[in-house]
Protein backbone atom coordinates (compact mmCIF):
# COMPACT_ATOMS: atom_id res chain seq x y z
CA MET A 1 174.38 23.34 78.49
CA ALA A 2 173.72 27.06 78.07
CA SER A 3 173.03 28.27 74.54
CA LYS A 4 174.97 31.11 72.98
CA ALA A 5 173.32 34.41 72.11
CA ARG A 6 171.98 34.47 68.55
CA ASN A 7 173.64 36.80 66.06
CA ASN A 8 171.43 36.02 63.06
CA TYR A 9 167.75 36.80 63.52
CA ILE A 10 164.87 39.15 62.65
CA PHE A 11 163.71 41.67 65.26
CA THR A 12 160.73 44.04 65.11
CA SER A 13 159.76 47.30 66.81
CA GLU A 14 156.85 49.69 66.31
CA SER A 15 156.11 53.34 66.86
CA VAL A 16 153.07 55.62 66.82
CA SER A 17 152.64 59.23 65.74
CA GLU A 18 151.84 62.29 67.82
CA GLY A 19 148.24 61.95 66.62
CA HIS A 20 147.79 58.39 67.81
CA PRO A 21 145.12 58.48 70.57
CA ASP A 22 147.37 57.03 73.28
CA LYS A 23 150.26 59.30 72.37
CA LEU A 24 147.93 62.29 72.27
CA CYS A 25 146.97 61.50 75.86
CA ASP A 26 150.65 61.23 76.86
CA GLN A 27 151.24 64.67 75.38
CA ILE A 28 148.30 66.25 77.19
CA SER A 29 149.49 64.77 80.50
CA ASP A 30 153.01 66.11 79.94
CA LEU A 31 151.68 69.45 78.70
CA LEU A 32 149.90 69.91 82.04
CA LEU A 33 152.96 68.69 83.94
CA ASP A 34 155.09 71.33 82.20
CA MET A 35 152.54 74.02 83.05
CA HIS A 36 152.91 73.17 86.75
CA LEU A 37 156.71 72.95 86.66
CA ARG A 38 156.90 76.29 84.84
CA LYS A 39 155.02 77.88 87.72
CA ASN A 40 156.73 75.92 90.49
CA PRO A 41 159.79 73.73 89.81
CA GLU A 42 159.00 71.73 92.96
CA ALA A 43 155.42 70.97 91.89
CA ARG A 44 154.13 67.46 92.52
CA VAL A 45 152.01 66.18 89.67
CA ALA A 46 150.44 62.91 88.52
CA ILE A 47 147.95 63.44 85.69
CA GLU A 48 146.22 60.90 83.45
CA THR A 49 144.31 61.64 80.25
CA LEU A 50 141.55 59.80 78.37
CA ALA A 51 140.44 60.79 74.89
CA THR A 52 137.56 59.43 72.84
CA THR A 53 134.98 60.75 70.37
CA ASN A 54 134.54 64.48 71.05
CA LEU A 55 135.77 64.10 74.64
CA VAL A 56 138.98 64.62 76.63
CA VAL A 57 139.09 63.76 80.34
CA VAL A 58 142.01 64.72 82.58
CA ALA A 59 142.30 63.41 86.14
CA GLY A 60 144.94 63.08 88.81
CA GLU A 61 146.70 64.86 91.64
CA THR A 62 148.77 67.95 92.21
CA ARG A 63 150.15 69.33 95.45
CA ASP A 64 150.25 72.99 94.46
CA ALA A 65 150.50 75.41 91.50
CA GLU A 66 146.88 74.82 90.66
CA PHE A 67 145.36 76.15 87.44
CA SER A 68 141.82 77.16 86.66
CA HIS A 69 139.58 75.01 84.51
CA GLU A 70 139.70 77.72 81.86
CA GLU A 71 143.51 77.72 81.74
CA ILE A 72 143.67 73.94 81.40
CA ASP A 73 140.92 73.93 78.79
CA ALA A 74 142.72 76.53 76.68
CA ALA A 75 146.07 74.73 76.89
CA ILE A 76 144.57 71.41 75.79
CA ARG A 77 142.69 72.95 72.88
CA ALA A 78 145.81 74.76 71.68
CA HIS A 79 147.74 71.50 71.66
CA LEU A 80 145.01 69.61 69.81
CA LYS A 81 145.07 72.36 67.18
CA LYS A 82 148.85 72.11 66.91
CA VAL A 83 148.67 68.35 66.35
CA GLY A 84 146.05 68.95 63.66
CA TYR A 85 142.76 67.60 64.96
CA GLU A 86 139.97 69.31 63.01
CA GLN A 87 137.69 66.33 62.36
CA GLU A 88 133.96 65.95 62.85
CA GLY A 89 134.40 63.36 65.59
CA PHE A 90 137.33 65.14 67.28
CA HIS A 91 137.90 68.86 66.73
CA TRP A 92 139.99 71.15 68.89
CA LYS A 93 137.26 73.79 68.92
CA THR A 94 134.28 71.62 69.82
CA VAL A 95 135.68 68.70 71.85
CA GLU A 96 134.32 68.54 75.41
CA ILE A 97 137.02 68.76 78.10
CA ARG A 98 136.38 67.46 81.61
CA ASN A 99 138.80 68.23 84.42
CA TYR A 100 138.99 66.01 87.52
CA ILE A 101 142.42 67.05 88.84
CA HIS A 102 142.55 67.27 92.64
CA ARG A 103 145.06 67.70 95.46
CA GLN A 104 147.68 65.03 96.20
CA SER A 105 147.36 62.77 99.23
CA SER A 106 149.25 64.17 102.21
CA GLU A 107 150.56 60.67 102.98
CA ILE A 108 152.27 60.40 99.59
CA ALA A 109 153.68 63.91 99.95
CA GLN A 110 155.00 63.08 103.43
CA GLY A 111 156.82 59.98 102.19
CA VAL A 112 158.50 61.93 99.42
CA ASP A 113 159.34 65.05 101.41
CA SER A 114 160.98 63.20 104.29
CA GLY A 115 161.68 59.58 103.52
CA ALA A 116 162.36 56.68 105.86
CA ASP A 117 166.09 57.44 105.71
CA LYS A 118 165.60 61.19 106.35
CA ASP A 119 166.15 62.24 102.74
CA GLU A 120 163.66 62.82 99.94
CA GLY A 121 162.07 59.42 99.43
CA ALA A 122 161.02 57.72 96.21
CA GLY A 123 157.49 58.57 95.15
CA ASP A 124 156.66 54.89 94.72
CA GLN A 125 158.18 51.44 94.78
CA GLY A 126 159.20 49.85 91.51
CA ILE A 127 161.85 48.70 89.06
CA MET A 128 163.31 50.77 86.22
CA PHE A 129 165.56 49.89 83.29
CA GLY A 130 167.91 51.77 80.99
CA TYR A 131 169.49 50.43 77.81
CA ALA A 132 172.01 51.36 75.14
CA THR A 133 173.50 49.58 72.13
CA ASN A 134 176.16 50.65 69.65
CA GLU A 135 174.15 49.51 66.61
CA THR A 136 173.11 53.12 65.84
CA GLN A 137 174.72 56.52 66.24
CA GLU A 138 172.21 57.51 68.92
CA LEU A 139 173.01 54.24 70.76
CA MET A 140 169.47 52.92 70.33
CA PRO A 141 168.05 49.77 68.74
CA ALA A 142 167.80 50.39 65.00
CA THR A 143 164.27 48.96 64.76
CA VAL A 144 162.73 51.57 67.05
CA SER A 145 164.93 54.39 65.71
CA ILE A 146 163.75 53.77 62.16
CA SER A 147 160.12 53.32 63.25
CA ASN A 148 160.23 56.70 64.99
CA ALA A 149 162.01 58.37 62.08
CA ILE A 150 159.36 57.25 59.58
CA LEU A 151 156.59 58.87 61.60
CA ARG A 152 158.58 62.03 62.33
CA ASN A 153 159.16 62.39 58.59
CA LEU A 154 155.46 61.98 57.81
CA ALA A 155 154.45 64.42 60.55
CA LYS A 156 156.93 67.05 59.35
CA ALA A 157 155.59 66.76 55.80
CA ARG A 158 151.98 67.00 57.04
CA HIS A 159 152.64 70.06 59.21
CA SER A 160 154.55 71.84 56.44
CA GLY A 161 151.65 71.40 54.03
CA LYS A 162 153.72 69.26 51.67
CA GLU A 163 151.39 66.27 52.21
CA PRO A 164 147.90 67.76 52.72
CA LEU A 165 146.17 64.37 52.27
CA LEU A 166 147.61 63.00 55.52
CA GLU A 167 145.87 63.20 58.90
CA PRO A 168 147.45 63.00 62.40
CA ASP A 169 146.99 59.33 63.41
CA ALA A 170 149.68 56.88 62.23
CA LYS A 171 151.65 53.77 63.20
CA SER A 172 154.83 52.17 61.88
CA GLN A 173 156.48 48.80 62.33
CA VAL A 174 159.95 47.81 61.19
CA SER A 175 161.50 44.32 61.06
CA LEU A 176 165.27 44.16 60.55
CA LEU A 177 167.59 41.27 59.75
CA TYR A 178 170.51 41.06 62.15
CA ALA A 179 173.59 39.36 60.67
CA GLU A 180 176.42 37.34 62.17
CA ALA A 181 178.05 40.40 63.75
CA GLY A 182 174.84 41.04 65.70
CA HIS A 183 174.07 44.26 63.82
CA PRO A 184 171.20 45.01 61.42
CA ILE A 185 171.85 44.89 57.67
CA LYS A 186 168.42 45.43 56.05
CA ALA A 187 164.67 45.55 56.55
CA THR A 188 162.73 42.37 55.94
CA SER A 189 159.33 44.08 56.26
CA ILE A 190 157.95 47.55 56.93
CA VAL A 191 154.37 48.39 57.90
CA VAL A 192 152.94 51.92 57.88
CA SER A 193 149.31 52.76 58.62
CA THR A 194 148.44 56.42 58.30
CA GLN A 195 145.15 58.25 58.57
CA HIS A 196 144.19 60.24 55.47
CA LYS A 197 141.48 62.44 54.06
CA PRO A 198 138.44 60.86 52.34
CA GLY A 199 138.67 59.88 48.69
CA VAL A 200 142.33 58.88 48.68
CA SER A 201 143.19 55.42 47.36
CA GLN A 202 145.45 52.91 49.05
CA ALA A 203 147.83 53.09 46.07
CA GLN A 204 148.09 56.89 46.45
CA ILE A 205 148.90 56.63 50.14
CA ARG A 206 151.53 53.98 49.41
CA GLU A 207 153.37 56.33 47.07
CA ILE A 208 153.01 59.27 49.48
CA VAL A 209 154.55 57.22 52.29
CA ARG A 210 157.38 55.59 50.32
CA PRO A 211 159.93 58.48 50.20
CA TYR A 212 159.54 59.15 53.92
CA VAL A 213 160.28 55.50 54.67
CA LEU A 214 163.34 55.55 52.44
CA ALA A 215 164.57 58.73 54.11
CA ALA A 216 164.37 57.00 57.52
CA LEU A 217 166.62 54.10 56.48
CA PRO A 218 170.41 54.27 56.84
CA ASP A 219 170.66 53.50 53.11
CA PRO A 220 168.08 52.86 50.35
CA SER A 221 169.51 49.35 49.98
CA TRP A 222 167.98 48.55 53.36
CA MET A 223 164.46 48.76 51.88
CA CYS A 224 162.42 45.59 52.04
CA SER A 225 160.85 43.94 49.00
CA GLU A 226 157.62 45.36 47.56
CA GLU A 227 155.77 42.28 48.81
CA GLU A 228 156.84 43.07 52.38
CA PHE A 229 156.11 46.81 52.21
CA TYR A 230 152.65 47.18 53.76
CA VAL A 231 150.88 50.56 53.69
CA ASN A 232 147.38 50.78 55.18
CA PRO A 233 147.02 47.01 54.71
CA THR A 234 143.35 47.04 55.78
CA GLY A 235 142.53 49.61 53.08
CA SER A 236 140.92 52.96 53.92
CA PHE A 237 141.98 54.77 57.13
CA VAL A 238 139.82 57.90 57.33
CA VAL A 239 138.34 57.64 60.84
CA GLY A 240 141.27 57.79 63.25
CA GLY A 241 142.58 59.36 66.42
CA PRO A 242 140.37 59.35 69.52
CA ASP A 243 137.27 59.16 67.31
CA GLY A 244 138.42 55.80 66.00
CA ASP A 245 140.05 54.35 69.13
CA THR A 246 139.95 55.58 72.72
CA GLY A 247 143.32 56.78 74.02
CA LEU A 248 144.85 56.62 77.49
CA THR A 249 148.05 57.92 79.06
CA GLY A 250 150.72 55.29 79.57
CA ARG A 251 149.67 52.62 77.08
CA LYS A 252 152.70 52.92 74.78
CA ILE A 253 155.55 52.23 77.20
CA ILE A 254 157.55 50.06 74.78
CA VAL A 255 157.21 52.72 72.08
CA ASP A 256 158.46 55.23 74.68
CA THR A 257 161.64 53.26 75.36
CA TYR A 258 163.54 50.62 73.36
CA GLY A 259 161.00 48.92 71.14
CA GLY A 260 161.15 45.70 73.12
CA ALA A 261 164.91 45.26 72.80
CA SER A 262 165.32 45.76 76.54
CA PRO A 263 163.23 45.03 79.63
CA HIS A 264 160.83 47.74 80.81
CA GLY A 265 159.88 48.62 84.37
CA GLY A 266 156.36 48.53 85.68
CA GLY A 267 155.49 52.20 85.22
CA ALA A 268 154.80 54.65 82.42
CA PHE A 269 156.41 58.10 82.24
CA SER A 270 154.04 60.81 81.03
CA GLY A 271 152.16 63.03 83.45
CA LYS A 272 154.50 62.27 86.36
CA ASP A 273 156.77 64.84 87.99
CA PRO A 274 160.43 63.80 88.44
CA THR A 275 160.04 62.77 92.10
CA LYS A 276 158.30 59.72 90.58
CA VAL A 277 161.14 57.25 90.05
CA ASP A 278 159.12 55.51 87.34
CA ARG A 279 160.26 58.43 85.25
CA SER A 280 163.43 59.90 86.75
CA ALA A 281 165.15 56.59 87.52
CA ALA A 282 164.37 55.25 84.03
CA TYR A 283 165.99 58.40 82.66
CA VAL A 284 169.11 58.07 84.77
CA ALA A 285 169.38 54.36 83.94
CA ARG A 286 169.39 55.23 80.23
CA TYR A 287 171.93 57.99 80.92
CA LEU A 288 174.29 55.59 82.66
CA ALA A 289 173.88 52.81 80.09
CA LYS A 290 174.44 55.22 77.21
CA ASN A 291 177.63 56.58 78.74
CA VAL A 292 178.91 53.05 79.36
CA VAL A 293 178.49 52.12 75.69
CA ALA A 294 179.77 55.48 74.41
CA ALA A 295 182.90 55.07 76.56
CA GLY A 296 183.64 51.78 74.81
CA LEU A 297 183.15 49.70 77.95
CA ALA A 298 180.50 47.49 76.29
CA ASP A 299 178.64 47.09 73.00
CA ARG A 300 175.29 46.71 74.81
CA CYS A 301 174.28 47.61 78.33
CA THR A 302 171.15 47.27 80.45
CA ILE A 303 170.93 48.85 83.89
CA GLN A 304 168.24 48.02 86.44
CA LEU A 305 167.37 50.14 89.47
CA SER A 306 164.76 49.47 92.15
CA TYR A 307 163.25 51.66 94.88
CA ALA A 308 160.88 51.50 97.84
CA ILE A 309 158.33 54.23 98.45
CA GLY A 310 159.59 56.78 100.95
CA VAL A 311 163.18 55.44 100.84
CA SER A 312 165.82 57.54 99.11
CA LYS A 313 168.58 55.05 98.33
CA PRO A 314 168.10 52.46 95.58
CA ILE A 315 167.23 49.00 96.86
CA SER A 316 169.29 47.45 94.07
CA PHE A 317 171.57 48.40 91.18
CA TYR A 318 172.45 45.92 88.42
CA VAL A 319 174.49 46.14 85.21
CA ASN A 320 174.26 43.60 82.37
CA THR A 321 176.58 43.94 79.36
CA TYR A 322 175.51 40.72 77.60
CA ASP A 323 179.03 39.28 77.38
CA THR A 324 180.15 42.37 75.44
CA GLY A 325 181.71 44.12 78.43
CA ARG A 326 185.39 45.01 78.45
CA VAL A 327 185.59 45.74 82.19
CA ASP A 328 184.52 43.97 85.35
CA ALA A 329 180.75 44.38 85.81
CA ALA A 330 180.90 44.51 89.61
CA GLU A 331 183.51 47.27 89.47
CA LEU A 332 181.45 49.10 86.86
CA GLU A 333 178.44 49.02 89.18
CA GLN A 334 180.49 50.62 91.95
CA VAL A 335 181.97 53.32 89.70
CA LEU A 336 178.63 54.35 88.25
CA GLN A 337 177.13 54.75 91.71
CA GLN A 338 180.08 56.92 92.69
CA LEU A 339 179.67 59.15 89.64
CA VAL A 340 175.95 59.83 90.12
CA ASP A 341 173.89 60.16 93.29
CA LEU A 342 171.00 57.77 92.60
CA THR A 343 168.66 59.07 95.27
CA PRO A 344 165.55 60.76 93.82
CA ARG A 345 166.93 64.15 94.84
CA GLY A 346 170.35 63.31 93.42
CA ILE A 347 168.90 62.24 90.07
CA ARG A 348 166.76 65.35 89.76
CA LYS A 349 169.72 67.58 90.56
CA HIS A 350 172.21 65.80 88.29
CA LEU A 351 169.90 65.75 85.26
CA GLN A 352 168.19 69.05 86.18
CA LEU A 353 164.74 67.50 85.87
CA ASN A 354 162.72 70.14 87.74
CA ARG A 355 162.07 72.07 84.56
CA PRO A 356 159.20 72.19 82.03
CA ILE A 357 160.96 69.86 79.59
CA TYR A 358 158.62 66.91 79.21
CA LEU A 359 156.14 67.61 76.40
CA PRO A 360 158.75 67.01 73.63
CA SER A 361 159.44 63.56 75.07
CA ALA A 362 155.80 62.45 74.83
CA ALA A 363 155.96 61.55 71.12
CA TYR A 364 158.61 59.71 69.07
CA GLY A 365 160.40 58.24 72.08
CA HIS A 366 161.97 59.46 75.30
CA PHE A 367 165.40 58.12 74.31
CA GLY A 368 167.76 58.48 71.37
CA ARG A 369 166.98 62.20 71.19
CA ILE A 370 169.27 65.24 71.03
CA PRO A 371 169.78 67.16 74.29
CA GLY A 372 168.44 70.70 73.99
CA GLU A 373 169.78 73.98 75.31
CA ASP A 374 166.49 74.34 77.19
CA GLY A 375 167.24 71.21 79.21
CA THR A 376 165.18 68.77 77.20
CA PHE A 377 166.57 65.22 77.02
CA SER A 378 169.34 65.94 79.52
CA TRP A 379 169.56 62.18 80.12
CA GLU A 380 170.98 61.79 76.59
CA LYS A 381 174.19 63.67 77.40
CA LEU A 382 177.54 61.88 77.26
CA ASP A 383 179.26 63.84 80.02
CA LEU A 384 180.36 60.76 82.01
CA VAL A 385 182.44 59.30 79.18
CA ASP A 386 185.71 60.99 80.16
CA ALA A 387 185.43 59.90 83.79
CA LEU A 388 184.60 56.31 82.83
CA GLN A 389 187.44 56.11 80.33
CA ALA A 390 189.87 57.63 82.81
CA HIS A 391 188.93 55.15 85.52
CA PHE A 392 189.12 52.11 83.28
CA LYS A 393 191.98 53.49 81.16
CA VAL A 394 190.02 53.27 77.93
CA LYS A 395 191.33 55.56 75.21
CA GLU A 396 189.06 55.08 72.22
CA LEU A 397 185.61 56.68 72.10
CA VAL A 398 183.53 54.30 70.00
CA ALA A 399 180.27 56.25 69.67
CA GLY A 400 178.62 59.55 70.30
């Protein structure tokens, strides 16, 4: 006998700051991607970054729009300065930067340029997921939304000079109690670890962090008990960033997406141009799922896509509404595929992805963000809602 979905449980998600070593590497990879797309919107790029004590290494492939070592060096140093790295073991002025970026394989380029079905093929095989839930205004899981908000609040205060004792590296973790209705009602525990300057006590950091945690919650009543509010639980956190822990591009994929509330495909996002379906198809899957929930067709929605390298059409397309759907799932699958061309070229055109828009996505999540006039976060738009409601004759817009 199949068990029913639980509506009363505790769920946890985490996030990391822009100064976390892995996230710093994601940002450098996307910084270099944006440089290439700014010069050539059709640029092909796949760049990885490693950062450790006094060292940044970039490596990968580009097809064209090459930059000199000096240009790349200057761009990376400027970003490290912006994030705030001026530490003895990792300083924007003195860090060594090694560049091993080379030209893309002609075989990969051939498969993308003219796929097996005579259209632009997928840049790789793989599976991608998109997710949306109506438990928050941005249609994201509340656990990851709050985790991200805590760290954004701390970073804003650090950059403004309001909290000069804070340093760039930080992590958060939020556990929420979900009640009978399947929606969160309060935090059961909150963990924040933040790097700080020498000579600051754990008690001082706790009180610095507290208001920024409270500001991230929907209401102060959501705050956990003092016993479950953990700030720098190991004590001092002075040595951080790449000096404390080596960073790599692509190691925070759950932080990038839905905090574990939804499946994740096999690939990371940062450093990859939009012909790579690891990135572009994950974006369009989120776009479709978000519009489904915003249109009132379901309370939760996961969409899976899969591709084969060099083949333009998706190999599969699957919609799961977790028994919250108000329309036939098979019909919904057909309608969504009619509304958006899900070939790599079709996705890039529909979401206008061939633009230098990726650096802002490389910290604090790729989803649940506000679409910008410059094209950033275009996959967060709700411009399919009217068409979906018209087709299924739904009148009430439940979110957005």
